[in-house]
PDB file of N, CA and C in Angstrom:
ATOM      1  N   MET A   1      -3.491  15.035  -1.098  1.00  0.00           N
ATOM      2  CA  MET A   1      -3.986  14.069  -2.054  1.00  0.00           C
ATOM      3  C   MET A   1      -5.049  14.739  -2.908  1.00  0.00           C
ATOM      4  N   THR A   2      -4.840  14.770  -4.195  1.00  0.00           N
ATOM      5  CA  THR A   2      -5.814  15.358  -5.101  1.00  0.00           C
ATOM      6  C   THR A   2      -6.858  14.334  -5.493  1.00  0.00           C
ATOM      7  N   GLY A   3      -7.872  14.779  -6.198  1.00  0.00           N
ATOM      8  CA  GLY A   3      -8.986  13.906  -6.525  1.00  0.00           C
ATOM      9  C   GLY A   3      -8.720  12.896  -7.613  1.00  0.00           C
ATOM     10  N   GLU A   4      -7.963  13.276  -8.648  1.00  0.00           N
ATOM     11  CA  GLU A   4      -7.759  12.356  -9.753  1.00  0.00           C
ATOM     12  C   GLU A   4      -6.421  12.611 -10.419  1.00  0.00           C
ATOM     13  N   ALA A   5      -5.959  11.601 -11.131  1.00  0.00           N
ATOM     14  CA  ALA A   5      -4.723  11.688 -11.905  1.00  0.00           C
ATOM     15  C   ALA A   5      -5.068  11.364 -13.346  1.00  0.00           C
ATOM     16  N   THR A   6      -4.272  11.861 -14.261  1.00  0.00           N
ATOM     17  CA  THR A   6      -4.528  11.594 -15.672  1.00  0.00           C
ATOM     18  C   THR A   6      -3.350  10.845 -16.283  1.00  0.00           C
ATOM     19  N   PHE A   7      -3.655   9.802 -17.024  1.00  0.00           N
ATOM     20  CA  PHE A   7      -2.658   9.029 -17.750  1.00  0.00           C
ATOM     21  C   PHE A   7      -3.081   8.975 -19.205  1.00  0.00           C
ATOM     22  N   TYR A   8      -2.399   9.755 -20.029  1.00  0.00           N
ATOM     23  CA  TYR A   8      -2.686   9.836 -21.455  1.00  0.00           C
ATOM     24  C   TYR A   8      -4.156  10.168 -21.716  1.00  0.00           C
ATOM     25  N   GLY A   9      -4.695  11.085 -20.940  1.00  0.00           N
ATOM     26  CA  GLY A   9      -6.060  11.545 -21.133  1.00  0.00           C
ATOM     27  C   GLY A   9      -7.114  10.732 -20.408  1.00  0.00           C
ATOM     28  N   VAL A  10      -6.732   9.701 -19.709  1.00  0.00           N
ATOM     29  CA  VAL A  10      -7.676   8.876 -18.955  1.00  0.00           C
ATOM     30  C   VAL A  10      -7.585   9.287 -17.490  1.00  0.00           C
ATOM     31  N   TYR A  11      -8.693   9.709 -16.927  1.00  0.00           N
ATOM     32  CA  TYR A  11      -8.729  10.124 -15.534  1.00  0.00           C
ATOM     33  C   TYR A  11      -9.022   8.929 -14.636  1.00  0.00           C
ATOM     34  N   VAL A  12      -8.186   8.757 -13.642  1.00  0.00           N
ATOM     35  CA  VAL A  12      -8.384   7.683 -12.670  1.00  0.00           C
ATOM     36  C   VAL A  12      -8.338   8.298 -11.276  1.00  0.00           C
ATOM     37  N   PRO A  13      -9.086   7.741 -10.344  1.00  0.00           N
ATOM     38  CA  PRO A  13      -9.037   8.265  -8.974  1.00  0.00           C
ATOM     39  C   PRO A  13      -7.643   8.097  -8.384  1.00  0.00           C
ATOM     40  N   TRP A  14      -7.224   9.091  -7.616  1.00  0.00           N
ATOM     41  CA  TRP A  14      -5.899   9.055  -7.020  1.00  0.00           C
ATOM     42  C   TRP A  14      -5.767   7.887  -6.054  1.00  0.00           C
ATOM     43  N   LEU A  15      -6.853   7.515  -5.397  1.00  0.00           N
ATOM     44  CA  LEU A  15      -6.805   6.379  -4.481  1.00  0.00           C
ATOM     45  C   LEU A  15      -6.504   5.078  -5.220  1.00  0.00           C
ATOM     46  N   LEU A  16      -6.962   4.956  -6.463  1.00  0.00           N
ATOM     47  CA  LEU A  16      -6.662   3.770  -7.259  1.00  0.00           C
ATOM     48  C   LEU A  16      -5.172   3.697  -7.570  1.00  0.00           C
ATOM     49  N   VAL A  17      -4.568   4.824  -7.866  1.00  0.00           N
ATOM     50  CA  VAL A  17      -3.124   4.861  -8.120  1.00  0.00           C
ATOM     51  C   VAL A  17      -2.369   4.433  -6.865  1.00  0.00           C
ATOM     52  N   LEU A  18      -2.781   4.958  -5.719  1.00  0.00           N
ATOM     53  CA  LEU A  18      -2.132   4.589  -4.463  1.00  0.00           C
ATOM     54  C   LEU A  18      -2.374   3.127  -4.107  1.00  0.00           C
ATOM     55  N   ALA A  19      -3.554   2.603  -4.423  1.00  0.00           N
ATOM     56  CA  ALA A  19      -3.865   1.209  -4.124  1.00  0.00           C
ATOM     57  C   ALA A  19      -2.984   0.269  -4.948  1.00  0.00           C
ATOM     58  N   VAL A  20      -2.752   0.601  -6.201  1.00  0.00           N
ATOM     59  CA  VAL A  20      -1.887  -0.218  -7.050  1.00  0.00           C
ATOM     60  C   VAL A  20      -0.443  -0.142  -6.554  1.00  0.00           C
ATOM     61  N   LEU A  21      -0.012   1.047  -6.167  1.00  0.00           N
ATOM     62  CA  LEU A  21       1.332   1.206  -5.619  1.00  0.00           C
ATOM     63  C   LEU A  21       1.474   0.438  -4.303  1.00  0.00           C
ATOM     64  N   ALA A  22       0.458   0.494  -3.463  1.00  0.00           N
ATOM     65  CA  ALA A  22       0.479  -0.247  -2.196  1.00  0.00           C
ATOM     66  C   ALA A  22       0.507  -1.748  -2.443  1.00  0.00           C
ATOM     67  N   TRP A  23      -0.195  -2.204  -3.473  1.00  0.00           N
ATOM     68  CA  TRP A  23      -0.181  -3.626  -3.803  1.00  0.00           C
ATOM     69  C   TRP A  23       1.226  -4.069  -4.196  1.00  0.00           C
ATOM     70  N   GLY A  24       1.898  -3.263  -4.986  1.00  0.00           N
ATOM     71  CA  GLY A  24       3.265  -3.589  -5.383  1.00  0.00           C
ATOM     72  C   GLY A  24       4.221  -3.600  -4.203  1.00  0.00           C
ATOM     73  N   LEU A  25       4.093  -2.623  -3.321  1.00  0.00           N
ATOM     74  CA  LEU A  25       4.943  -2.590  -2.131  1.00  0.00           C
ATOM     75  C   LEU A  25       4.640  -3.749  -1.194  1.00  0.00           C
ATOM     76  N   CYS A  26       3.373  -4.102  -1.087  1.00  0.00           N
ATOM     77  CA  CYS A  26       2.978  -5.232  -0.240  1.00  0.00           C
ATOM     78  C   CYS A  26       3.521  -6.546  -0.818  1.00  0.00           C
ATOM     79  N   TRP A  27       3.479  -6.675  -2.122  1.00  0.00           N
ATOM     80  CA  TRP A  27       4.027  -7.867  -2.773  1.00  0.00           C
ATOM     81  C   TRP A  27       5.520  -7.989  -2.483  1.00  0.00           C
ATOM     82  N   ALA A  28       6.245  -6.862  -2.603  1.00  0.00           N
ATOM     83  CA  ALA A  28       7.683  -6.874  -2.334  1.00  0.00           C
ATOM     84  C   ALA A  28       7.957  -7.192  -0.868  1.00  0.00           C
ATOM     85  N   ALA A  29       7.159  -6.634   0.044  1.00  0.00           N
ATOM     86  CA  ALA A  29       7.344  -6.901   1.472  1.00  0.00           C
ATOM     87  C   ALA A  29       7.053  -8.363   1.788  1.00  0.00           C
ATOM     88  N   ARG A  30       6.030  -8.938   1.152  1.00  0.00           N
ATOM     89  CA  ARG A  30       5.711 -10.348   1.374  1.00  0.00           C
ATOM     90  C   ARG A  30       6.836 -11.246   0.894  1.00  0.00           C
ATOM     91  N   ARG A  31       7.422 -10.910  -0.255  1.00  0.00           N
ATOM     92  CA  ARG A  31       8.545 -11.698  -0.774  1.00  0.00           C
ATOM     93  C   ARG A  31       9.742 -11.616   0.169  1.00  0.00           C
ATOM     94  N   LEU A  32      10.017 -10.422   0.666  1.00  0.00           N
ATOM     95  CA  LEU A  32      11.133 -10.232   1.590  1.00  0.00           C
ATOM     96  C   LEU A  32      10.897 -10.982   2.901  1.00  0.00           C
ATOM     97  N   LEU A  33       9.704 -10.826   3.467  1.00  0.00           N
ATOM     98  CA  LEU A  33       9.396 -11.502   4.733  1.00  0.00           C
ATOM     99  C   LEU A  33       9.370 -13.023   4.564  1.00  0.00           C
ATOM    100  N   GLY A  34       8.878 -13.491   3.421  1.00  0.00           N
ATOM    101  CA  GLY A  34       8.876 -14.927   3.161  1.00  0.00           C
ATOM    102  C   GLY A  34      10.276 -15.484   3.024  1.00  0.00           C
ATOM    103  N   GLY A  35      11.151 -14.709   2.391  1.00  0.00           N
ATOM    104  CA  GLY A  35      12.536 -15.144   2.249  1.00  0.00           C
ATOM    105  C   GLY A  35      13.283 -15.173   3.570  1.00  0.00           C
ATOM    106  N   LEU A  36      12.898 -14.292   4.476  1.00  0.00           N
ATOM    107  CA  LEU A  36      13.537 -14.254   5.785  1.00  0.00           C
ATOM    108  C   LEU A  36      12.971 -15.286   6.755  1.00  0.00           C
ATOM    109  N   GLY A  37      11.900 -15.961   6.358  1.00  0.00           N
ATOM    110  CA  GLY A  37      11.288 -16.956   7.238  1.00  0.00           C
ATOM    111  C   GLY A  37      10.375 -16.353   8.288  1.00  0.00           C
ATOM    112  N   PHE A  38       9.915 -15.144   8.067  1.00  0.00           N
ATOM    113  CA  PHE A  38       9.070 -14.458   9.040  1.00  0.00           C
ATOM    114  C   PHE A  38       7.709 -15.130   9.188  1.00  0.00           C
ATOM    115  N   TYR A  39       7.204 -15.730   8.124  1.00  0.00           N
ATOM    116  CA  TYR A  39       5.856 -16.298   8.157  1.00  0.00           C
ATOM    117  C   TYR A  39       5.758 -17.545   9.031  1.00  0.00           C
ATOM    118  N   ARG A  40       6.878 -18.072   9.480  1.00  0.00           N
ATOM    119  CA  ARG A  40       6.821 -19.182  10.442  1.00  0.00           C
ATOM    120  C   ARG A  40       6.274 -18.714  11.775  1.00  0.00           C
ATOM    121  N   TRP A  41       6.394 -17.420  12.063  1.00  0.00           N
ATOM    122  CA  TRP A  41       5.954 -16.854  13.337  1.00  0.00           C
ATOM    123  C   TRP A  41       4.577 -16.219  13.251  1.00  0.00           C
ATOM    124  N   VAL A  42       3.971 -16.194  12.069  1.00  0.00           N
ATOM    125  CA  VAL A  42       2.669 -15.556  11.868  1.00  0.00           C
ATOM    126  C   VAL A  42       1.585 -16.610  12.011  1.00  0.00           C
ATOM    127  N   TRP A  43       0.565 -16.278  12.801  1.00  0.00           N
ATOM    128  CA  TRP A  43      -0.511 -17.228  13.062  1.00  0.00           C
ATOM    129  C   TRP A  43      -1.384 -17.433  11.826  1.00  0.00           C
ATOM    130  N   HIS A  44      -1.816 -16.343  11.187  1.00  0.00           N
ATOM    131  CA  HIS A  44      -2.722 -16.412  10.047  1.00  0.00           C
ATOM    132  C   HIS A  44      -2.149 -15.533   8.939  1.00  0.00           C
ATOM    133  N   ALA A  45      -1.539 -16.165   7.951  1.00  0.00           N
ATOM    134  CA  ALA A  45      -0.794 -15.424   6.930  1.00  0.00           C
ATOM    135  C   ALA A  45      -1.692 -14.500   6.110  1.00  0.00           C
ATOM    136  N   ALA A  46      -2.889 -14.937   5.758  1.00  0.00           N
ATOM    137  CA  ALA A  46      -3.779 -14.102   4.952  1.00  0.00           C
ATOM    138  C   ALA A  46      -4.229 -12.868   5.730  1.00  0.00           C
ATOM    139  N   LEU A  47      -4.505 -13.030   7.001  1.00  0.00           N
ATOM    140  CA  LEU A  47      -4.891 -11.903   7.835  1.00  0.00           C
ATOM    141  C   LEU A  47      -3.729 -10.927   7.999  1.00  0.00           C
ATOM    142  N   PHE A  48      -2.544 -11.450   8.174  1.00  0.00           N
ATOM    143  CA  PHE A  48      -1.359 -10.605   8.277  1.00  0.00           C
ATOM    144  C   PHE A  48      -1.114  -9.846   6.979  1.00  0.00           C
ATOM    145  N   ASP A  49      -1.265 -10.512   5.837  1.00  0.00           N
ATOM    146  CA  ASP A  49      -1.066  -9.853   4.545  1.00  0.00           C
ATOM    147  C   ASP A  49      -2.085  -8.744   4.318  1.00  0.00           C
ATOM    148  N   THR A  50      -3.327  -8.977   4.720  1.00  0.00           N
ATOM    149  CA  THR A  50      -4.354  -7.948   4.583  1.00  0.00           C
ATOM    150  C   THR A  50      -4.043  -6.743   5.457  1.00  0.00           C
ATOM    151  N   ALA A  51      -3.629  -7.001   6.681  1.00  0.00           N
ATOM    152  CA  ALA A  51      -3.268  -5.904   7.584  1.00  0.00           C
ATOM    153  C   ALA A  51      -2.055  -5.148   7.064  1.00  0.00           C
ATOM    154  N   LEU A  52      -1.089  -5.847   6.502  1.00  0.00           N
ATOM    155  CA  LEU A  52       0.091  -5.203   5.930  1.00  0.00           C
ATOM    156  C   LEU A  52      -0.301  -4.307   4.761  1.00  0.00           C
ATOM    157  N   TYR A  53      -1.193  -4.786   3.903  1.00  0.00           N
ATOM    158  CA  TYR A  53      -1.660  -3.980   2.774  1.00  0.00           C
ATOM    159  C   TYR A  53      -2.387  -2.723   3.255  1.00  0.00           C
ATOM    160  N   VAL A  54      -3.253  -2.870   4.232  1.00  0.00           N
ATOM    161  CA  VAL A  54      -4.001  -1.715   4.745  1.00  0.00           C
ATOM    162  C   VAL A  54      -3.049  -0.698   5.376  1.00  0.00           C
ATOM    163  N   LEU A  55      -2.062  -1.158   6.113  1.00  0.00           N
ATOM    164  CA  LEU A  55      -1.096  -0.243   6.719  1.00  0.00           C
ATOM    165  C   LEU A  55      -0.258   0.479   5.666  1.00  0.00           C
ATOM    166  N   ILE A  56       0.142  -0.223   4.631  1.00  0.00           N
ATOM    167  CA  ILE A  56       0.908   0.425   3.562  1.00  0.00           C
ATOM    168  C   ILE A  56       0.045   1.427   2.819  1.00  0.00           C
ATOM    169  N   LEU A  57      -1.198   1.074   2.528  1.00  0.00           N
ATOM    170  CA  LEU A  57      -2.095   2.003   1.838  1.00  0.00           C
ATOM    171  C   LEU A  57      -2.379   3.225   2.694  1.00  0.00           C
ATOM    172  N   PHE A  58      -2.590   3.030   3.983  1.00  0.00           N
ATOM    173  CA  PHE A  58      -2.812   4.151   4.886  1.00  0.00           C
ATOM    174  C   PHE A  58      -1.593   5.076   4.909  1.00  0.00           C
ATOM    175  N   SER A  59      -0.405   4.482   4.989  1.00  0.00           N
ATOM    176  CA  SER A  59       0.819   5.290   5.019  1.00  0.00           C
ATOM    177  C   SER A  59       0.984   6.091   3.733  1.00  0.00           C
ATOM    178  N   LEU A  60       0.683   5.476   2.601  1.00  0.00           N
ATOM    179  CA  LEU A  60       0.801   6.192   1.333  1.00  0.00           C
ATOM    180  C   LEU A  60      -0.198   7.339   1.234  1.00  0.00           C
ATOM    181  N   THR A  61      -1.422   7.124   1.697  1.00  0.00           N
ATOM    182  CA  THR A  61      -2.408   8.197   1.636  1.00  0.00           C
ATOM    183  C   THR A  61      -2.036   9.333   2.572  1.00  0.00           C
ATOM    184  N   ARG A  62      -1.476   9.015   3.733  1.00  0.00           N
ATOM    185  CA  ARG A  62      -1.047  10.068   4.656  1.00  0.00           C
ATOM    186  C   ARG A  62       0.167  10.811   4.126  1.00  0.00           C
ATOM    187  N   LEU A  63       1.085  10.107   3.480  1.00  0.00           N
ATOM    188  CA  LEU A  63       2.278  10.753   2.946  1.00  0.00           C
ATOM    189  C   LEU A  63       1.953  11.677   1.775  1.00  0.00           C
ATOM    190  N   THR A  64       0.931  11.348   1.005  1.00  0.00           N
ATOM    191  CA  THR A  64       0.574  12.180  -0.140  1.00  0.00           C
ATOM    192  C   THR A  64      -0.480  13.222   0.209  1.00  0.00           C
ATOM    193  N   ALA A  65      -0.896  13.303   1.469  1.00  0.00           N
ATOM    194  CA  ALA A  65      -1.857  14.325   1.884  1.00  0.00           C
ATOM    195  C   ALA A  65      -1.189  15.683   1.774  1.00  0.00           C
ATOM    196  N   SER A  66      -2.008  16.718   1.691  1.00  0.00           N
ATOM    197  CA  SER A  66      -1.471  18.074   1.457  1.00  0.00           C
ATOM    198  C   SER A  66      -0.616  18.562   2.605  1.00  0.00           C
ATOM    199  N   GLY A  67      -0.916  18.197   3.842  1.00  0.00           N
ATOM    200  CA  GLY A  67      -0.150  18.667   4.977  1.00  0.00           C
ATOM    201  C   GLY A  67       0.964  17.753   5.405  1.00  0.00           C
ATOM    202  N   GLY A  68       1.136  16.607   4.763  1.00  0.00           N
ATOM    203  CA  GLY A  68       2.155  15.664   5.150  1.00  0.00           C
ATOM    204  C   GLY A  68       1.589  14.567   6.030  1.00  0.00           C
ATOM    205  N   PHE A  69       2.467  13.789   6.626  1.00  0.00           N
ATOM    206  CA  PHE A  69       2.033  12.603   7.383  1.00  0.00           C
ATOM    207  C   PHE A  69       1.338  12.965   8.694  1.00  0.00           C
ATOM    208  N   PHE A  70       1.768  14.014   9.364  1.00  0.00           N
ATOM    209  CA  PHE A  70       1.252  14.322  10.689  1.00  0.00           C
ATOM    210  C   PHE A  70       0.187  15.396  10.699  1.00  0.00           C
ATOM    211  N   SER A  71      -0.408  15.703   9.572  1.00  0.00           N
ATOM    212  CA  SER A  71      -1.433  16.761   9.547  1.00  0.00           C
ATOM    213  C   SER A  71      -2.776  16.262  10.003  1.00  0.00           C
TER     214      SER A  71
END
């Protein structure tokens, strides 16, 4: 994971790029799980959504690390 990314000359932190990507993936996962009726089994939906977002963001940061996921 490098320090920053550039979009048309604007430098943004790489973590911000990953956070936006994680938000999109979390949104898609929430839509899929909601359509499958998974949230009927979840005790606290907001807490579950927050944990899902953190896990997706963690996975993305580990996958984009220089040594890979298991480094």
